Protein backbone atom coordinates (compact mmCIF):
# COMPACT_ATOMS: atom_id res chain seq x y z
CA UNK A 1 -56.83 94.04 -98.22
CA UNK A 2 -56.05 95.81 -94.98
CA UNK A 3 -53.30 98.38 -95.49
CA UNK A 4 -53.06 99.88 -92.01
CA UNK A 5 -52.97 98.63 -88.45
CA UNK A 6 -55.73 100.14 -86.40
CA UNK A 7 -56.84 99.86 -82.79
CA UNK A 8 -60.59 100.24 -82.74
CA UNK A 9 -62.48 100.65 -79.51
CA UNK A 10 -66.02 99.30 -79.83
CA UNK A 11 -68.69 99.17 -77.14
CA UNK A 12 -71.92 97.21 -76.99
CA UNK A 13 -71.61 95.85 -80.51
CA UNK A 14 -74.35 93.30 -79.91
CA UNK A 15 -76.92 96.11 -79.77
CA UNK A 16 -76.86 96.23 -83.54
CA UNK A 17 -77.25 92.50 -84.20
CA UNK A 18 -80.08 90.02 -84.32
CA UNK A 19 -79.98 87.64 -81.39
CA UNK A 20 -80.66 83.96 -80.98
CA UNK A 21 -81.49 84.65 -77.32
CA UNK A 22 -84.00 87.44 -76.78
CA UNK A 23 -84.40 86.88 -73.07
CA UNK A 24 -82.48 90.04 -72.19
CA UNK A 25 -82.36 93.41 -73.98
CA UNK A 26 -79.26 94.44 -75.87
CA UNK A 27 -77.18 97.15 -74.18
CA UNK A 28 -77.43 100.72 -75.40
CA UNK A 29 -74.78 102.02 -77.76
CA UNK A 30 -72.59 104.84 -76.44
CA UNK A 31 -73.07 108.24 -78.10
CA UNK A 32 -71.02 108.99 -81.18
CA UNK A 33 -69.14 106.69 -83.56
CA UNK A 34 -66.34 104.32 -82.49
CA UNK A 35 -62.93 105.98 -82.39
CA UNK A 36 -60.21 104.76 -84.71
CA UNK A 37 -56.52 105.56 -84.33
CA UNK A 38 -54.08 104.70 -87.11
CA UNK A 39 -50.88 103.50 -85.49
CA UNK A 40 -49.03 102.36 -88.59
CA UNK A 41 -49.96 102.71 -92.26
CA UNK A 42 -46.94 100.90 -93.71
CA UNK A 43 -48.04 97.31 -93.10
CA UNK A 44 -49.23 94.92 -95.79
CA UNK A 45 -52.41 93.01 -94.91
CA UNK A 46 -51.79 92.53 -91.18
CA UNK A 47 -53.77 89.49 -90.01
CA UNK A 48 -52.82 88.70 -86.39
CA UNK A 49 -51.27 90.64 -83.52
CA UNK A 50 -50.16 90.08 -79.94
CA UNK A 51 -48.56 92.40 -77.41
CA UNK A 52 -45.15 91.34 -76.09
CA UNK A 53 -44.55 91.84 -72.34
CA UNK A 54 -42.59 95.04 -73.03
CA UNK A 55 -45.54 96.56 -74.90
CA UNK A 56 -44.22 96.04 -78.42
CA UNK A 57 -46.43 94.31 -80.97
CA UNK A 58 -45.75 91.09 -82.84
CA UNK A 59 -47.72 91.22 -86.09
CA UNK A 60 -48.27 88.71 -88.89
CA UNK A 61 -48.66 89.94 -92.46
CA UNK A 62 -50.72 87.71 -94.72
CA UNK A 63 -48.07 87.60 -97.43
CA UNK A 64 -45.76 85.60 -95.17
CA UNK A 65 -43.76 87.97 -92.99
CA UNK A 66 -43.82 88.61 -89.24
CA UNK A 67 -42.74 91.97 -87.84
CA UNK A 68 -42.14 93.59 -84.47
CA UNK A 69 -43.60 97.06 -84.00
CA UNK A 70 -42.51 99.59 -81.43
CA UNK A 71 -44.71 100.00 -78.36
CA UNK A 72 -46.47 103.00 -79.89
CA UNK A 73 -46.96 101.08 -83.14
CA UNK A 74 -45.38 103.77 -85.29
CA UNK A 75 -42.21 101.95 -86.34
CA UNK A 76 -41.33 98.49 -87.65
CA UNK A 77 -38.36 97.61 -85.46
CA UNK A 78 -37.55 94.29 -87.08
CA UNK A 79 -38.71 91.62 -89.51
CA UNK A 80 -38.65 88.22 -87.81
CA UNK A 81 -36.59 85.50 -89.50
CA UNK A 82 -37.34 81.79 -89.49
CA UNK A 83 -40.98 81.93 -90.61
CA UNK A 84 -41.86 78.86 -92.74
CA UNK A 85 -43.13 79.17 -96.31
CA UNK A 86 -46.84 79.88 -96.55
CA UNK A 87 -49.43 79.58 -99.31
CA UNK A 88 -50.12 83.28 -99.82
CA UNK A 89 -53.08 83.01 -102.17
CA UNK A 90 -56.71 84.04 -101.83
CA UNK A 91 -57.56 83.95 -98.13
CA UNK A 92 -54.46 81.93 -97.32
CA UNK A 93 -51.14 83.11 -95.97
CA UNK A 94 -49.52 83.80 -92.62
CA UNK A 95 -52.46 84.16 -90.28
CA UNK A 96 -52.87 84.25 -86.49
CA UNK A 97 -50.27 84.59 -83.74
CA UNK A 98 -50.34 83.82 -80.00
CA UNK A 99 -47.88 83.83 -77.12
CA UNK A 100 -47.44 80.92 -74.77
CA UNK A 101 -49.59 81.57 -71.66
CA UNK A 102 -46.35 81.56 -69.65
CA UNK A 103 -44.34 83.51 -72.22
CA UNK A 104 -41.04 84.91 -70.99
CA UNK A 105 -38.48 86.34 -73.37
CA UNK A 106 -35.66 84.53 -71.56
CA UNK A 107 -36.96 81.32 -70.00
CA UNK A 108 -40.06 80.50 -72.09
CA UNK A 109 -40.00 82.40 -75.41
CA UNK A 110 -42.49 80.17 -77.27
CA UNK A 111 -44.88 81.69 -79.78
CA UNK A 112 -47.51 79.93 -81.92
CA UNK A 113 -48.89 80.86 -85.31
CA UNK A 114 -51.24 79.55 -87.97
CA UNK A 115 -50.77 79.60 -91.70
CA UNK A 116 -51.89 78.06 -94.98
CA UNK A 117 -49.58 75.12 -95.67
CA UNK A 118 -49.11 73.30 -98.97
CA UNK A 119 -49.35 69.53 -99.28
CA UNK A 120 -49.61 66.80 -101.89
CA UNK A 121 -53.41 67.07 -102.18
CA UNK A 122 -53.79 70.82 -101.80
CA UNK A 123 -53.39 73.01 -98.76
CA UNK A 124 -54.83 73.56 -95.31
CA UNK A 125 -54.39 75.29 -91.99
CA UNK A 126 -51.33 74.38 -89.94
CA UNK A 127 -50.11 75.45 -86.50
CA UNK A 128 -46.41 75.93 -85.84
CA UNK A 129 -44.44 77.07 -82.84
CA UNK A 130 -40.96 78.45 -82.30
CA UNK A 131 -38.81 80.29 -79.81
CA UNK A 132 -38.73 84.03 -80.41
CA UNK A 133 -35.21 85.14 -79.57
CA UNK A 134 -34.66 88.75 -80.49
CA UNK A 135 -36.05 88.96 -84.00
CA UNK A 136 -35.48 85.31 -84.95
CA UNK A 137 -37.51 82.13 -84.59
CA UNK A 138 -35.65 78.96 -83.62
CA UNK A 139 -36.68 75.36 -82.93
CA UNK A 140 -39.57 75.84 -85.35
CA UNK A 141 -41.88 72.84 -85.64
CA UNK A 142 -45.38 72.19 -86.99
CA UNK A 143 -47.52 70.94 -84.09
CA UNK A 144 -50.84 70.50 -85.92
CA UNK A 145 -52.04 70.03 -89.49
CA UNK A 146 -55.67 70.22 -90.60
CA UNK A 147 -56.73 67.08 -92.49
CA UNK A 148 -57.50 66.53 -95.25
CA UNK A 149 -55.67 69.09 -97.36
CA UNK A 150 -57.84 70.32 -100.24
CA UNK A 151 -57.50 72.38 -103.41
CA UNK A 152 -58.64 76.00 -103.32
CA UNK A 153 -57.56 79.12 -101.48
CA UNK A 154 -60.59 80.11 -99.38
CA UNK A 155 -61.76 79.71 -95.77
CA UNK A 156 -58.96 78.77 -93.40
CA UNK A 157 -60.55 79.81 -90.09
CA UNK A 158 -57.30 79.98 -88.22
CA UNK A 159 -57.78 81.93 -85.02
CA UNK A 160 -55.74 80.87 -81.98
CA UNK A 161 -56.75 81.21 -78.34
CA UNK A 162 -54.48 80.07 -75.52
CA UNK A 163 -55.85 79.14 -72.13
CA UNK A 164 -54.13 79.42 -68.76
CA UNK A 165 -53.79 75.61 -68.56
CA UNK A 166 -51.38 75.76 -71.51
CA UNK A 167 -53.77 74.35 -74.09
CA UNK A 168 -54.47 75.96 -77.46
CA UNK A 169 -57.79 76.28 -79.26
CA UNK A 170 -57.59 76.45 -83.06
CA UNK A 171 -60.55 77.43 -85.23
CA UNK A 172 -60.73 75.63 -88.58
CA UNK A 173 -63.08 76.18 -91.51
CA UNK A 174 -64.71 73.85 -94.02
CA UNK A 175 -62.45 75.25 -96.80
CA UNK A 176 -65.57 76.24 -98.81
CA UNK A 177 -66.37 72.61 -99.61
CA UNK A 178 -69.73 72.37 -97.80
CA UNK A 179 -72.57 73.63 -99.98
CA UNK A 180 -76.09 73.53 -98.45
CA UNK A 181 -77.55 73.13 -101.94
CA UNK A 182 -75.35 70.09 -102.58
CA UNK A 183 -74.57 68.40 -99.24
CA UNK A 184 -71.97 66.05 -100.71
CA UNK A 185 -69.57 64.85 -98.05
CA UNK A 186 -70.74 67.30 -95.36
CA UNK A 187 -67.17 67.84 -94.22
CA UNK A 188 -68.12 70.03 -91.24
CA UNK A 189 -70.45 67.31 -89.96
CA UNK A 190 -67.91 64.51 -90.43
CA UNK A 191 -65.98 64.10 -87.17
CA UNK A 192 -63.30 61.99 -88.86
CA UNK A 193 -61.67 65.14 -90.29
CA UNK A 194 -60.64 68.63 -89.10
CA UNK A 195 -62.78 70.68 -91.51
CA UNK A 196 -65.33 73.03 -89.96
CA UNK A 197 -64.11 72.27 -86.48
CA UNK A 198 -62.58 73.78 -83.36
CA UNK A 199 -59.72 71.70 -81.99
CA UNK A 200 -57.89 71.81 -78.67
CA UNK A 201 -54.27 70.70 -78.39
CA UNK A 202 -51.43 70.92 -75.91
CA UNK A 203 -48.65 73.40 -76.52
CA UNK A 204 -46.40 70.78 -78.12
CA UNK A 205 -49.21 69.35 -80.26
CA UNK A 206 -50.42 66.38 -78.24
CA UNK A 207 -54.11 65.93 -77.42
CA UNK A 208 -55.34 66.76 -73.90
CA UNK A 209 -56.91 63.71 -72.24
CA UNK A 210 -59.89 65.77 -71.01
CA UNK A 211 -61.09 66.82 -74.46
CA UNK A 212 -64.87 66.32 -74.72
CA UNK A 213 -66.44 63.11 -75.94
CA UNK A 214 -68.51 64.12 -78.95
CA UNK A 215 -70.55 60.94 -78.65
CA UNK A 216 -69.95 60.08 -82.30
CA UNK A 217 -68.05 56.99 -83.37
CA UNK A 218 -64.71 57.65 -85.05
CA UNK A 219 -64.37 61.24 -83.82
CA UNK A 220 -60.84 62.62 -83.87
CA UNK A 221 -59.54 63.13 -80.31
CA UNK A 222 -58.47 66.74 -80.89
CA UNK A 223 -61.99 67.94 -81.72
CA UNK A 224 -63.66 70.41 -79.37
CA UNK A 225 -66.74 71.08 -81.49
CA UNK A 226 -67.96 70.66 -85.06
CA UNK A 227 -70.47 71.97 -87.57
CA UNK A 228 -68.70 75.33 -88.03
CA UNK A 229 -68.39 77.27 -91.28
CA UNK A 230 -65.50 79.75 -91.13
CA UNK A 231 -64.75 80.79 -87.53
CA UNK A 232 -62.22 83.63 -87.52
CA UNK A 233 -62.70 85.17 -84.09
CA UNK A 234 -61.89 83.53 -80.76
CA UNK A 235 -61.44 84.66 -77.16
CA UNK A 236 -61.19 83.05 -73.74
CA UNK A 237 -63.60 84.32 -71.11
CA UNK A 238 -61.32 85.75 -68.38
CA UNK A 239 -63.43 84.42 -65.49
CA UNK A 240 -64.77 81.07 -66.73
CA UNK A 241 -62.00 80.03 -69.14
CA UNK A 242 -64.64 79.17 -71.73
CA UNK A 243 -64.06 79.68 -75.43
CA UNK A 244 -66.21 82.14 -77.39
CA UNK A 245 -66.07 82.13 -81.19
CA UNK A 246 -67.41 84.26 -84.04
CA UNK A 247 -67.87 82.73 -87.45
CA UNK A 248 -68.81 83.88 -90.94
CA UNK A 249 -72.17 82.72 -92.22
CA UNK A 250 -73.03 82.38 -95.92
CA UNK A 251 -75.29 85.22 -97.15
CA UNK A 252 -76.16 86.58 -93.71
CA UNK A 253 -76.16 84.41 -90.61
CA UNK A 254 -72.80 85.36 -89.07
CA UNK A 255 -72.71 83.90 -85.55
CA UNK A 256 -71.38 84.45 -82.06
CA UNK A 257 -71.03 81.10 -80.32
CA UNK A 258 -70.15 79.92 -76.86
CA UNK A 259 -68.10 76.72 -77.14
CA UNK A 260 -67.94 74.86 -73.83
CA UNK A 261 -67.11 71.67 -75.74
CA UNK A 262 -68.88 68.75 -77.35
CA UNK A 263 -71.41 70.66 -79.46
CA UNK A 264 -72.53 70.48 -83.07
CA UNK A 265 -73.11 74.01 -84.41
CA UNK A 266 -75.11 72.96 -87.44
CA UNK A 267 -73.23 73.92 -90.60
CA UNK A 268 -74.15 73.22 -93.39
CA UNK A 269 -77.48 71.80 -92.20
CA UNK A 270 -78.61 74.83 -90.19
CA UNK A 271 -77.89 78.54 -90.59
CA UNK A 272 -79.63 81.88 -90.13
CA UNK A 273 -78.08 82.82 -93.44
CA UNK A 274 -79.20 81.95 -96.94
CA UNK A 275 -77.55 80.31 -99.95
CA UNK A 276 -75.70 82.86 -102.07
CA UNK A 277 -77.96 84.52 -104.62
CA UNK A 278 -81.17 83.81 -102.71
CA UNK A 279 -83.61 86.65 -102.04
CA UNK A 280 -83.22 87.39 -98.34
CA UNK A 281 -86.09 86.40 -96.09
CA UNK A 282 -87.19 83.70 -93.69
CA UNK A 283 -88.06 81.33 -96.53
CA UNK A 284 -84.43 80.91 -97.60
CA UNK A 285 -82.87 80.29 -94.17
CA UNK A 286 -80.81 77.11 -94.42
CA UNK A 287 -82.60 74.29 -92.66
CA UNK A 288 -85.19 76.77 -91.41
CA UNK A 289 -82.59 78.73 -89.44
CA UNK A 290 -83.43 77.49 -85.95
CA UNK A 291 -80.68 75.17 -84.74
CA UNK A 292 -82.23 73.64 -81.61
CA UNK A 293 -82.79 70.98 -80.47
CA UNK A 294 -80.42 68.93 -82.65
CA UNK A 295 -77.74 71.63 -83.01
CA UNK A 296 -76.36 74.36 -80.76
CA UNK A 297 -78.09 77.74 -81.11
CA UNK A 298 -75.75 80.71 -81.52
CA UNK A 299 -75.64 83.21 -78.66
CA UNK A 300 -76.28 85.89 -81.28
CA UNK A 301 -76.40 86.20 -85.05
CA UNK A 302 -76.49 88.88 -87.73
CA UNK A 303 -79.23 89.03 -90.38
CA UNK A 304 -79.89 89.84 -93.13
CA UNK A 305 -76.36 91.00 -94.02
CA UNK A 306 -72.98 89.50 -93.24
CA UNK A 307 -70.85 91.81 -91.09
CA UNK A 308 -67.83 89.44 -91.12
CA UNK A 309 -67.13 89.42 -87.36
């Protein structure tokens, strides 16, 4: 578990990874190792963080608490009240955090977070929002629930990315139910559920009318893309507004993906990784590795080891 909050400055990280697109050379790494500065060593498994307009940090801790750090990160100023109960087990807990694109502490104090939520059939990723007033959340409501809920405590995905148009992207994993050696239900390939997907919703939880048409009958309207394994990194390109996502592969095969919308990213049919326990090499790549033309190729991928991006 992570025991300290660190700001790590990394440059040209793609230089060290295998790439699905070799048309241009990887940039050179800067001299010397990345620099790490410990801002606060008193936190317990910090998972998500955003900067408030005044420079302070709003941090989620996986066990279920949300705290506000001073602008220099050295002090916990307050523990936020009003956080709903989370399933703090395995990889589950209180996860990502995001501010409303138009966040204002007085007139628009909405914040959004993801967490592992219990249900009758198990648990799954949920998205809630609330007004952050001082160190308290009010008007808390769940605006999205991953379906179906399943037993187990692994793979929640759960990264949030907010776009300037007010919509939210949510990355969602397959909850460790898709096994390439035993295809079963192929949850990530089934567009009638939210497992192994990226979804796009409005800030109050409704579905934007301009979500992509996946071209598959019965697809849920919130889906942006499908065929993902466990995407836990997400960012909006500042110029194009496009979503970029990193996801964990199985044994190797971690991916960097561009997600303009409407694509099938192949899991568990295609991966540059191998089934767990397999001797690494081209012969074990799931589905032969290459995604195209039936699935979207990653922008870049990491083999033979998993770096957990």
